[in-house]
Amino acid sequence: MSMQYSRDRILVIPNGREYQTYVRLRYPTEELKKMMAKEVKKNNTMAIKVRKTKAFEELEKEIEAAREVRANNQNANDK
């Protein structure tokens, strides 16, 4: 998706025998929001696919086991 833009400001600065030119562009926020939403959706879809993999499931089990050990240790220390 290409976004339309408009030139907001142009600044030309002499630098010896050359010039430096700066151009400030304005993009419509609605188009930007649409592009960002599309990227978020794409990344969420990828994250869902990753979560479904066996390696991710094993990692989740290890994390849960570590949480249980921590909770058990905390309970033992509280007594």
PDB file of N, CA and C in Angstrom:
ATOM      1  N   MET A   1       0.847  -1.165   0.000  1.00  0.00           N
ATOM      2  CA  MET A   1       0.000   0.000   0.000  1.00  0.00           C
ATOM      3  C   MET A   1       0.896   1.232   0.000  1.00  0.00           C
ATOM      4  N   SER A   2       0.728   2.054  -0.987  1.00  0.00           N
ATOM      5  CA  SER A   2       1.506   3.288  -1.017  1.00  0.00           C
ATOM      6  C   SER A   2       0.652   4.413  -0.449  1.00  0.00           C
ATOM      7  N   MET A   3       1.297   5.274   0.271  1.00  0.00           N
ATOM      8  CA  MET A   3       0.588   6.379   0.899  1.00  0.00           C
ATOM      9  C   MET A   3       0.816   7.656   0.117  1.00  0.00           C
ATOM     10  N   GLN A   4      -0.227   8.464   0.039  1.00  0.00           N
ATOM     11  CA  GLN A   4      -0.098   9.774  -0.570  1.00  0.00           C
ATOM     12  C   GLN A   4       0.477  10.724   0.471  1.00  0.00           C
ATOM     13  N   TYR A   5       1.250  11.636   0.024  1.00  0.00           N
ATOM     14  CA  TYR A   5       1.846  12.616   0.925  1.00  0.00           C
ATOM     15  C   TYR A   5       1.825  13.977   0.265  1.00  0.00           C
ATOM     16  N   SER A   6       2.061  14.980   1.089  1.00  0.00           N
ATOM     17  CA  SER A   6       2.187  16.331   0.548  1.00  0.00           C
ATOM     18  C   SER A   6       3.444  16.958   1.139  1.00  0.00           C
ATOM     19  N   ARG A   7       4.073  17.804   0.332  1.00  0.00           N
ATOM     20  CA  ARG A   7       5.249  18.532   0.821  1.00  0.00           C
ATOM     21  C   ARG A   7       4.775  19.650   1.723  1.00  0.00           C
ATOM     22  N   ASP A   8       5.316  19.665   2.912  1.00  0.00           N
ATOM     23  CA  ASP A   8       4.926  20.674   3.880  1.00  0.00           C
ATOM     24  C   ASP A   8       5.906  21.840   3.879  1.00  0.00           C
ATOM     25  N   ARG A   9       7.173  21.518   3.772  1.00  0.00           N
ATOM     26  CA  ARG A   9       8.195  22.560   3.853  1.00  0.00           C
ATOM     27  C   ARG A   9       9.461  22.081   3.146  1.00  0.00           C
ATOM     28  N   ILE A  10      10.116  23.002   2.466  1.00  0.00           N
ATOM     29  CA  ILE A  10      11.395  22.705   1.807  1.00  0.00           C
ATOM     30  C   ILE A  10      12.408  23.728   2.298  1.00  0.00           C
ATOM     31  N   LEU A  11      13.577  23.245   2.666  1.00  0.00           N
ATOM     32  CA  LEU A  11      14.638  24.118   3.145  1.00  0.00           C
ATOM     33  C   LEU A  11      15.916  23.767   2.384  1.00  0.00           C
ATOM     34  N   VAL A  12      16.500  24.770   1.715  1.00  0.00           N
ATOM     35  CA  VAL A  12      17.741  24.580   0.961  1.00  0.00           C
ATOM     36  C   VAL A  12      18.824  25.390   1.656  1.00  0.00           C
ATOM     37  N   ILE A  13      19.915  24.720   2.018  1.00  0.00           N
ATOM     38  CA  ILE A  13      20.998  25.371   2.749  1.00  0.00           C
ATOM     39  C   ILE A  13      22.278  25.280   1.916  1.00  0.00           C
ATOM     40  N   PRO A  14      22.901  26.424   1.611  1.00  0.00           N
ATOM     41  CA  PRO A  14      24.173  26.376   0.888  1.00  0.00           C
ATOM     42  C   PRO A  14      25.260  25.761   1.771  1.00  0.00           C
ATOM     43  N   ASN A  15      26.072  24.929   1.168  1.00  0.00           N
ATOM     44  CA  ASN A  15      27.167  24.271   1.876  1.00  0.00           C
ATOM     45  C   ASN A  15      28.383  24.309   0.948  1.00  0.00           C
ATOM     46  N   GLY A  16      29.100  25.436   0.938  1.00  0.00           N
ATOM     47  CA  GLY A  16      30.224  25.590   0.013  1.00  0.00           C
ATOM     48  C   GLY A  16      29.707  25.690  -1.403  1.00  0.00           C
ATOM     49  N   ARG A  17      30.192  24.803  -2.254  1.00  0.00           N
ATOM     50  CA  ARG A  17      29.748  24.796  -3.650  1.00  0.00           C
ATOM     51  C   ARG A  17      28.552  23.864  -3.860  1.00  0.00           C
ATOM     52  N   GLU A  18      28.081  23.268  -2.792  1.00  0.00           N
ATOM     53  CA  GLU A  18      26.934  22.349  -2.859  1.00  0.00           C
ATOM     54  C   GLU A  18      25.787  22.889  -2.015  1.00  0.00           C
ATOM     55  N   TYR A  19      24.681  22.195  -2.091  1.00  0.00           N
ATOM     56  CA  TYR A  19      23.513  22.571  -1.313  1.00  0.00           C
ATOM     57  C   TYR A  19      22.972  21.332  -0.602  1.00  0.00           C
ATOM     58  N   GLN A  20      22.453  21.548   0.589  1.00  0.00           N
ATOM     59  CA  GLN A  20      21.727  20.494   1.290  1.00  0.00           C
ATOM     60  C   GLN A  20      20.260  20.867   1.251  1.00  0.00           C
ATOM     61  N   THR A  21      19.426  19.897   0.917  1.00  0.00           N
ATOM     62  CA  THR A  21      17.993  20.154   0.815  1.00  0.00           C
ATOM     63  C   THR A  21      17.252  19.248   1.787  1.00  0.00           C
ATOM     64  N   TYR A  22      16.384  19.860   2.557  1.00  0.00           N
ATOM     65  CA  TYR A  22      15.540  19.124   3.493  1.00  0.00           C
ATOM     66  C   TYR A  22      14.099  19.320   3.081  1.00  0.00           C
ATOM     67  N   VAL A  23      13.359  18.227   3.057  1.00  0.00           N
ATOM     68  CA  VAL A  23      11.951  18.281   2.676  1.00  0.00           C
ATOM     69  C   VAL A  23      11.137  17.624   3.785  1.00  0.00           C
ATOM     70  N   ARG A  24      10.182  18.357   4.327  1.00  0.00           N
ATOM     71  CA  ARG A  24       9.288  17.768   5.336  1.00  0.00           C
ATOM     72  C   ARG A  24       8.006  17.367   4.624  1.00  0.00           C
ATOM     73  N   LEU A  25       7.634  16.104   4.807  1.00  0.00           N
ATOM     74  CA  LEU A  25       6.439  15.565   4.170  1.00  0.00           C
ATOM     75  C   LEU A  25       5.348  15.357   5.204  1.00  0.00           C
ATOM     76  N   ARG A  26       4.130  15.463   4.770  1.00  0.00           N
ATOM     77  CA  ARG A  26       2.973  15.173   5.631  1.00  0.00           C
ATOM     78  C   ARG A  26       2.225  13.992   5.030  1.00  0.00           C
ATOM     79  N   TYR A  27       1.916  13.047   5.915  1.00  0.00           N
ATOM     80  CA  TYR A  27       1.134  11.884   5.530  1.00  0.00           C
ATOM     81  C   TYR A  27      -0.217  11.949   6.232  1.00  0.00           C
ATOM     82  N   PRO A  28      -1.278  11.548   5.554  1.00  0.00           N
ATOM     83  CA  PRO A  28      -2.587  11.545   6.206  1.00  0.00           C
ATOM     84  C   PRO A  28      -2.609  10.488   7.315  1.00  0.00           C
ATOM     85  N   THR A  29      -3.116  10.856   8.476  1.00  0.00           N
ATOM     86  CA  THR A  29      -3.089   9.944   9.616  1.00  0.00           C
ATOM     87  C   THR A  29      -3.990   8.730   9.415  1.00  0.00           C
ATOM     88  N   GLU A  30      -5.074   8.883   8.702  1.00  0.00           N
ATOM     89  CA  GLU A  30      -5.968   7.739   8.480  1.00  0.00           C
ATOM     90  C   GLU A  30      -5.256   6.620   7.731  1.00  0.00           C
ATOM     91  N   GLU A  31      -4.515   6.991   6.701  1.00  0.00           N
ATOM     92  CA  GLU A  31      -3.768   5.983   5.947  1.00  0.00           C
ATOM     93  C   GLU A  31      -2.701   5.345   6.818  1.00  0.00           C
ATOM     94  N   LEU A  32      -2.042   6.155   7.622  1.00  0.00           N
ATOM     95  CA  LEU A  32      -1.015   5.641   8.520  1.00  0.00           C
ATOM     96  C   LEU A  32      -1.617   4.663   9.517  1.00  0.00           C
ATOM     97  N   LYS A  33      -2.773   5.011  10.076  1.00  0.00           N
ATOM     98  CA  LYS A  33      -3.449   4.127  11.024  1.00  0.00           C
ATOM     99  C   LYS A  33      -3.809   2.800  10.372  1.00  0.00           C
ATOM    100  N   LYS A  34      -4.276   2.844   9.132  1.00  0.00           N
ATOM    101  CA  LYS A  34      -4.621   1.619   8.418  1.00  0.00           C
ATOM    102  C   LYS A  34      -3.396   0.735   8.210  1.00  0.00           C
ATOM    103  N   MET A  35      -2.278   1.363   7.828  1.00  0.00           N
ATOM    104  CA  MET A  35      -1.054   0.599   7.609  1.00  0.00           C
ATOM    105  C   MET A  35      -0.559  -0.015   8.915  1.00  0.00           C
ATOM    106  N   MET A  36      -0.624   0.748   9.996  1.00  0.00           N
ATOM    107  CA  MET A  36      -0.179   0.231  11.278  1.00  0.00           C
ATOM    108  C   MET A  36      -1.068  -0.921  11.740  1.00  0.00           C
ATOM    109  N   ALA A  37      -2.372  -0.799  11.551  1.00  0.00           N
ATOM    110  CA  ALA A  37      -3.295  -1.872  11.936  1.00  0.00           C
ATOM    111  C   ALA A  37      -3.008  -3.136  11.140  1.00  0.00           C
ATOM    112  N   LYS A  38      -2.681  -2.964   9.872  1.00  0.00           N
ATOM    113  CA  LYS A  38      -2.362  -4.114   9.031  1.00  0.00           C
ATOM    114  C   LYS A  38      -1.099  -4.818   9.533  1.00  0.00           C
ATOM    115  N   GLU A  39      -0.080  -4.045   9.907  1.00  0.00           N
ATOM    116  CA  GLU A  39       1.158  -4.629  10.423  1.00  0.00           C
ATOM    117  C   GLU A  39       0.921  -5.332  11.753  1.00  0.00           C
ATOM    118  N   VAL A  40       0.121  -4.729  12.624  1.00  0.00           N
ATOM    119  CA  VAL A  40      -0.178  -5.348  13.914  1.00  0.00           C
ATOM    120  C   VAL A  40      -0.894  -6.669  13.690  1.00  0.00           C
ATOM    121  N   LYS A  41      -1.862  -6.671  12.791  1.00  0.00           N
ATOM    122  CA  LYS A  41      -2.610  -7.898  12.503  1.00  0.00           C
ATOM    123  C   LYS A  41      -1.673  -8.967  11.950  1.00  0.00           C
ATOM    124  N   LYS A  42      -0.774  -8.557  11.059  1.00  0.00           N
ATOM    125  CA  LYS A  42       0.177  -9.506  10.478  1.00  0.00           C
ATOM    126  C   LYS A  42       1.074 -10.089  11.572  1.00  0.00           C
ATOM    127  N   ASN A  43       1.557  -9.234  12.479  1.00  0.00           N
ATOM    128  CA  ASN A  43       2.417  -9.697  13.558  1.00  0.00           C
ATOM    129  C   ASN A  43       1.654 -10.579  14.537  1.00  0.00           C
ATOM    130  N   ASN A  44       0.383 -10.254  14.811  1.00  0.00           N
ATOM    131  CA  ASN A  44      -0.424 -11.093  15.687  1.00  0.00           C
ATOM    132  C   ASN A  44      -0.653 -12.460  15.066  1.00  0.00           C
ATOM    133  N   THR A  45      -0.887 -12.493  13.763  1.00  0.00           N
ATOM    134  CA  THR A  45      -1.067 -13.762  13.066  1.00  0.00           C
ATOM    135  C   THR A  45       0.195 -14.602  13.168  1.00  0.00           C
ATOM    136  N   MET A  46       1.344 -13.976  13.007  1.00  0.00           N
ATOM    137  CA  MET A  46       2.613 -14.682  13.121  1.00  0.00           C
ATOM    138  C   MET A  46       2.798 -15.189  14.551  1.00  0.00           C
ATOM    139  N   ALA A  47       2.465 -14.372  15.527  1.00  0.00           N
ATOM    140  CA  ALA A  47       2.610 -14.770  16.926  1.00  0.00           C
ATOM    141  C   ALA A  47       1.720 -15.963  17.239  1.00  0.00           C
ATOM    142  N   ILE A  48       0.525 -15.972  16.705  1.00  0.00           N
ATOM    143  CA  ILE A  48      -0.386 -17.102  16.916  1.00  0.00           C
ATOM    144  C   ILE A  48       0.203 -18.377  16.319  1.00  0.00           C
ATOM    145  N   LYS A  49       0.786 -18.270  15.142  1.00  0.00           N
ATOM    146  CA  LYS A  49       1.406 -19.442  14.513  1.00  0.00           C
ATOM    147  C   LYS A  49       2.573 -19.958  15.345  1.00  0.00           C
ATOM    148  N   VAL A  50       3.364 -19.047  15.881  1.00  0.00           N
ATOM    149  CA  VAL A  50       4.511 -19.447  16.700  1.00  0.00           C
ATOM    150  C   VAL A  50       4.036 -20.155  17.959  1.00  0.00           C
ATOM    151  N   ARG A  51       2.987 -19.617  18.575  1.00  0.00           N
ATOM    152  CA  ARG A  51       2.468 -20.226  19.805  1.00  0.00           C
ATOM    153  C   ARG A  51       1.989 -21.645  19.575  1.00  0.00           C
ATOM    154  N   LYS A  52       1.586 -21.946  18.368  1.00  0.00           N
ATOM    155  CA  LYS A  52       1.074 -23.277  18.071  1.00  0.00           C
ATOM    156  C   LYS A  52       2.176 -24.314  17.878  1.00  0.00           C
ATOM    157  N   THR A  53       3.392 -23.886  17.761  1.00  0.00           N
ATOM    158  CA  THR A  53       4.469 -24.834  17.519  1.00  0.00           C
ATOM    159  C   THR A  53       4.780 -25.627  18.771  1.00  0.00           C
ATOM    160  N   LYS A  54       5.313 -26.816  18.583  1.00  0.00           N
ATOM    161  CA  LYS A  54       5.636 -27.704  19.688  1.00  0.00           C
ATOM    162  C   LYS A  54       6.703 -27.086  20.598  1.00  0.00           C
ATOM    163  N   ALA A  55       7.688 -26.452  20.024  1.00  0.00           N
ATOM    164  CA  ALA A  55       8.751 -25.852  20.825  1.00  0.00           C
ATOM    165  C   ALA A  55       8.179 -24.796  21.759  1.00  0.00           C
ATOM    166  N   PHE A  56       7.251 -24.019  21.271  1.00  0.00           N
ATOM    167  CA  PHE A  56       6.652 -22.986  22.109  1.00  0.00           C
ATOM    168  C   PHE A  56       5.849 -23.625  23.234  1.00  0.00           C
ATOM    169  N   GLU A  57       5.139 -24.721  22.934  1.00  0.00           N
ATOM    170  CA  GLU A  57       4.377 -25.429  23.957  1.00  0.00           C
ATOM    171  C   GLU A  57       5.302 -25.941  25.051  1.00  0.00           C
ATOM    172  N   GLU A  58       6.448 -26.501  24.651  1.00  0.00           N
ATOM    173  CA  GLU A  58       7.399 -27.001  25.638  1.00  0.00           C
ATOM    174  C   GLU A  58       7.946 -25.869  26.497  1.00  0.00           C
ATOM    175  N   LEU A  59       8.220 -24.747  25.886  1.00  0.00           N
ATOM    176  CA  LEU A  59       8.710 -23.596  26.632  1.00  0.00           C
ATOM    177  C   LEU A  59       7.656 -23.117  27.628  1.00  0.00           C
ATOM    178  N   GLU A  60       6.403 -23.075  27.209  1.00  0.00           N
ATOM    179  CA  GLU A  60       5.318 -22.684  28.112  1.00  0.00           C
ATOM    180  C   GLU A  60       5.236 -23.635  29.305  1.00  0.00           C
ATOM    181  N   LYS A  61       5.407 -24.931  29.069  1.00  0.00           N
ATOM    182  CA  LYS A  61       5.376 -25.908  30.164  1.00  0.00           C
ATOM    183  C   LYS A  61       6.525 -25.663  31.137  1.00  0.00           C
ATOM    184  N   GLU A  62       7.706 -25.374  30.614  1.00  0.00           N
ATOM    185  CA  GLU A  62       8.853 -25.095  31.476  1.00  0.00           C
ATOM    186  C   GLU A  62       8.624 -23.836  32.309  1.00  0.00           C
ATOM    187  N   ILE A  63       8.065 -22.829  31.708  1.00  0.00           N
ATOM    188  CA  ILE A  63       7.781 -21.585  32.426  1.00  0.00           C
ATOM    189  C   ILE A  63       6.764 -21.844  33.532  1.00  0.00           C
ATOM    190  N   GLU A  64       5.721 -22.598  33.224  1.00  0.00           N
ATOM    191  CA  GLU A  64       4.699 -22.902  34.228  1.00  0.00           C
ATOM    192  C   GLU A  64       5.293 -23.718  35.375  1.00  0.00           C
ATOM    193  N   ALA A  65       6.167 -24.680  35.055  1.00  0.00           N
ATOM    194  CA  ALA A  65       6.818 -25.475  36.091  1.00  0.00           C
ATOM    195  C   ALA A  65       7.675 -24.589  36.991  1.00  0.00           C
ATOM    196  N   ALA A  66       8.388 -23.643  36.404  1.00  0.00           N
ATOM    197  CA  ALA A  66       9.212 -22.724  37.189  1.00  0.00           C
ATOM    198  C   ALA A  66       8.339 -21.850  38.084  1.00  0.00           C
ATOM    199  N   ARG A  67       7.194 -21.446  37.592  1.00  0.00           N
ATOM    200  CA  ARG A  67       6.274 -20.641  38.414  1.00  0.00           C
ATOM    201  C   ARG A  67       5.770 -21.444  39.609  1.00  0.00           C
ATOM    202  N   GLU A  68       5.471 -22.712  39.370  1.00  0.00           N
ATOM    203  CA  GLU A  68       4.989 -23.559  40.456  1.00  0.00           C
ATOM    204  C   GLU A  68       6.070 -23.748  41.516  1.00  0.00           C
ATOM    205  N   VAL A  69       7.306 -23.959  41.084  1.00  0.00           N
ATOM    206  CA  VAL A  69       8.412 -24.114  42.030  1.00  0.00           C
ATOM    207  C   VAL A  69       8.565 -22.835  42.846  1.00  0.00           C
ATOM    208  N   ARG A  70       8.513 -21.707  42.189  1.00  0.00           N
ATOM    209  CA  ARG A  70       8.637 -20.423  42.879  1.00  0.00           C
ATOM    210  C   ARG A  70       7.504 -20.240  43.890  1.00  0.00           C
ATOM    211  N   ALA A  71       6.277 -20.582  43.488  1.00  0.00           N
ATOM    212  CA  ALA A  71       5.131 -20.455  44.387  1.00  0.00           C
ATOM    213  C   ALA A  71       5.282 -21.382  45.583  1.00  0.00           C
ATOM    214  N   ASN A  72       5.746 -22.617  45.350  1.00  0.00           N
ATOM    215  CA  ASN A  72       5.951 -23.565  46.438  1.00  0.00           C
ATOM    216  C   ASN A  72       7.031 -23.066  47.393  1.00  0.00           C
ATOM    217  N   ASN A  73       8.102 -22.514  46.866  1.00  0.00           N
ATOM    218  CA  ASN A  73       9.174 -21.970  47.702  1.00  0.00           C
ATOM    219  C   ASN A  73       8.672 -20.783  48.511  1.00  0.00           C
ATOM    220  N   GLN A  74       7.868 -19.944  47.893  1.00  0.00           N
ATOM    221  CA  GLN A  74       7.312 -18.775  48.590  1.00  0.00           C
ATOM    222  C   GLN A  74       6.399 -19.233  49.725  1.00  0.00           C
ATOM    223  N   ASN A  75       5.576 -20.261  49.457  1.00  0.00           N
ATOM    224  CA  ASN A  75       4.675 -20.769  50.485  1.00  0.00           C
ATOM    225  C   ASN A  75       5.464 -21.374  51.642  1.00  0.00           C
ATOM    226  N   ALA A  76       6.544 -22.080  51.342  1.00  0.00           N
ATOM    227  CA  ALA A  76       7.374 -22.677  52.382  1.00  0.00           C
ATOM    228  C   ALA A  76       8.033 -21.600  53.228  1.00  0.00           C
ATOM    229  N   ASN A  77       8.470 -20.494  52.599  1.00  0.00           N
ATOM    230  CA  ASN A  77       9.106 -19.401  53.327  1.00  0.00           C
ATOM    231  C   ASN A  77       8.100 -18.638  54.187  1.00  0.00           C
ATOM    232  N   ASP A  78       6.834 -18.614  53.766  1.00  0.00           N
ATOM    233  CA  ASP A  78       5.816 -17.879  54.525  1.00  0.00           C
ATOM    234  C   ASP A  78       5.421 -18.606  55.801  1.00  0.00           C
ATOM    235  N   LYS A  79       5.656 -19.916  55.880  1.00  0.00           N
ATOM    236  CA  LYS A  79       5.232 -20.698  57.057  1.00  0.00           C
ATOM    237  C   LYS A  79       6.128 -20.513  58.217  1.00  0.00           C
TER     238      LYS A  79
END
